[in-house]
Amino acid sequence: MRFTTKGETLYAITLGMPRGQTAITSLAQPNPHERRRVRAVRLLGRPGAIAFRQTGQALVIDLPATLPTRHASAFAIDFA
């Protein structure tokens, strides 16, 4: 997983094709880097928000059955 930002949005990019769920442990709630709660997660290349939950262990993102690409998936993460 790689990260970048633009403005207030964090982008998380997977390397390869994730299946089922993906977990980002650095965004657990509360986490040492950001005390903000995740408000929305979008999968770039797919319209609308996707299901997620922010637990004490990780930000867990539920992936759709079909991904926009098989090479990498990019998630736009917005904070409250």
C-alpha atoms as a PDB file:
ATOM      1  CA  MET A   1       0.000   0.000   0.000  1.00  0.00           C
ATOM      2  CA  ARG A   2       1.242   3.464  -0.894  1.00  0.00           C
ATOM      3  CA  PHE A   3      -0.138   6.836   0.213  1.00  0.00           C
ATOM      4  CA  THR A   4      -0.310  10.356  -1.156  1.00  0.00           C
ATOM      5  CA  THR A   5      -2.422  13.423  -0.418  1.00  0.00           C
ATOM      6  CA  LYS A   6      -4.034  16.269  -2.271  1.00  0.00           C
ATOM      7  CA  GLY A   7      -5.647  18.929  -0.155  1.00  0.00           C
ATOM      8  CA  GLU A   8      -7.473  17.256   2.714  1.00  0.00           C
ATOM      9  CA  THR A   9      -7.925  13.924   0.905  1.00  0.00           C
ATOM     10  CA  LEU A  10      -5.679  10.939   1.568  1.00  0.00           C
ATOM     11  CA  TYR A  11      -5.205   8.514  -1.315  1.00  0.00           C
ATOM     12  CA  ALA A  12      -4.321   4.891  -0.534  1.00  0.00           C
ATOM     13  CA  ILE A  13      -3.102   2.845  -3.493  1.00  0.00           C
ATOM     14  CA  THR A  14      -2.920  -0.931  -3.396  1.00  0.00           C
ATOM     15  CA  LEU A  15      -0.319  -2.757  -5.396  1.00  0.00           C
ATOM     16  CA  GLY A  16      -1.995  -5.606  -7.204  1.00  0.00           C
ATOM     17  CA  MET A  17      -5.618  -6.676  -7.048  1.00  0.00           C
ATOM     18  CA  PRO A  18      -7.107  -6.851  -3.548  1.00  0.00           C
ATOM     19  CA  ARG A  19     -10.063  -9.161  -2.919  1.00  0.00           C
ATOM     20  CA  GLY A  20     -12.845  -9.115  -0.351  1.00  0.00           C
ATOM     21  CA  GLN A  21     -11.536  -6.554   2.111  1.00  0.00           C
ATOM     22  CA  THR A  22      -8.477  -4.439   2.576  1.00  0.00           C
ATOM     23  CA  ALA A  23      -7.300  -3.182   5.953  1.00  0.00           C
ATOM     24  CA  ILE A  24      -5.194  -0.087   6.600  1.00  0.00           C
ATOM     25  CA  THR A  25      -3.789  -0.469  10.116  1.00  0.00           C
ATOM     26  CA  SER A  26      -2.274   3.015  10.187  1.00  0.00           C
ATOM     27  CA  LEU A  27      -5.816   4.454  10.069  1.00  0.00           C
ATOM     28  CA  ALA A  28      -7.187   2.598  13.099  1.00  0.00           C
ATOM     29  CA  GLN A  29      -9.330   4.737  15.394  1.00  0.00           C
ATOM     30  CA  PRO A  30      -7.887   6.334  17.391  1.00  0.00           C
ATOM     31  CA  ASN A  31      -4.541   6.247  15.629  1.00  0.00           C
ATOM     32  CA  PRO A  32      -1.307   7.980  16.572  1.00  0.00           C
ATOM     33  CA  HIS A  33      -0.993   9.975  13.327  1.00  0.00           C
ATOM     34  CA  GLU A  34      -4.457  11.442  12.884  1.00  0.00           C
ATOM     35  CA  ARG A  35      -7.105  11.751  15.545  1.00  0.00           C
ATOM     36  CA  ARG A  36      -9.759  12.390  12.906  1.00  0.00           C
ATOM     37  CA  ARG A  37     -12.542   9.998  12.047  1.00  0.00           C
ATOM     38  CA  VAL A  38     -12.872   8.727   8.456  1.00  0.00           C
ATOM     39  CA  ARG A  39     -16.008  10.221   6.901  1.00  0.00           C
ATOM     40  CA  ALA A  40     -16.053   8.586   3.443  1.00  0.00           C
ATOM     41  CA  VAL A  41     -14.099   6.181   1.255  1.00  0.00           C
ATOM     42  CA  ARG A  42     -14.352   6.129  -2.535  1.00  0.00           C
ATOM     43  CA  LEU A  43     -12.779   3.712  -4.983  1.00  0.00           C
ATOM     44  CA  LEU A  44     -11.458   5.738  -7.913  1.00  0.00           C
ATOM     45  CA  GLY A  45     -12.924   4.593 -11.204  1.00  0.00           C
ATOM     46  CA  ARG A  46     -16.173   3.451  -9.549  1.00  0.00           C
ATOM     47  CA  PRO A  47     -19.067   5.816  -8.805  1.00  0.00           C
ATOM     48  CA  GLY A  48     -20.269   6.372  -5.246  1.00  0.00           C
ATOM     49  CA  ALA A  49     -18.976   5.560  -1.803  1.00  0.00           C
ATOM     50  CA  ILE A  50     -18.090   2.048  -0.664  1.00  0.00           C
ATOM     51  CA  ALA A  51     -18.658   0.361   2.678  1.00  0.00           C
ATOM     52  CA  PHE A  52     -15.999   0.717   5.351  1.00  0.00           C
ATOM     53  CA  ARG A  53     -15.575   0.661   9.105  1.00  0.00           C
ATOM     54  CA  GLN A  54     -12.909   2.218  11.275  1.00  0.00           C
ATOM     55  CA  THR A  55     -12.061  -0.071  14.180  1.00  0.00           C
ATOM     56  CA  GLY A  56      -9.428  -0.018  16.879  1.00  0.00           C
ATOM     57  CA  GLN A  57      -7.274  -2.258  14.677  1.00  0.00           C
ATOM     58  CA  ALA A  58      -7.662  -0.777  11.165  1.00  0.00           C
ATOM     59  CA  LEU A  59      -9.723   1.041   8.583  1.00  0.00           C
ATOM     60  CA  VAL A  60     -11.415  -1.927   6.905  1.00  0.00           C
ATOM     61  CA  ILE A  61     -12.709  -1.339   3.369  1.00  0.00           C
ATOM     62  CA  ASP A  62     -15.217  -3.746   1.819  1.00  0.00           C
ATOM     63  CA  LEU A  63     -14.336  -4.194  -1.828  1.00  0.00           C
ATOM     64  CA  PRO A  64     -16.871  -4.606  -4.628  1.00  0.00           C
ATOM     65  CA  ALA A  65     -16.868  -7.853  -6.593  1.00  0.00           C
ATOM     66  CA  THR A  66     -15.501  -6.065  -9.666  1.00  0.00           C
ATOM     67  CA  LEU A  67     -12.631  -3.585  -9.467  1.00  0.00           C
ATOM     68  CA  PRO A  68     -11.908  -0.862 -12.064  1.00  0.00           C
ATOM     69  CA  THR A  69      -8.467  -2.324 -12.811  1.00  0.00           C
ATOM     70  CA  ARG A  70      -6.471  -5.417 -11.939  1.00  0.00           C
ATOM     71  CA  HIS A  71      -3.142  -3.619 -11.582  1.00  0.00           C
ATOM     72  CA  ALA A  72      -3.824  -1.289  -8.637  1.00  0.00           C
ATOM     73  CA  SER A  73      -6.763   0.178  -6.736  1.00  0.00           C
ATOM     74  CA  ALA A  74      -6.814   3.747  -5.486  1.00  0.00           C
ATOM     75  CA  PHE A  75      -9.026   4.805  -2.574  1.00  0.00           C
ATOM     76  CA  ALA A  76      -9.867   8.435  -1.773  1.00  0.00           C
ATOM     77  CA  ILE A  77     -10.269   8.769   1.995  1.00  0.00           C
ATOM     78  CA  ASP A  78     -11.988  11.847   3.435  1.00  0.00           C
ATOM     79  CA  PHE A  79     -11.943  12.760   7.111  1.00  0.00           C
ATOM     80  CA  ALA A  80     -14.649  14.316   9.306  1.00  0.00           C
END
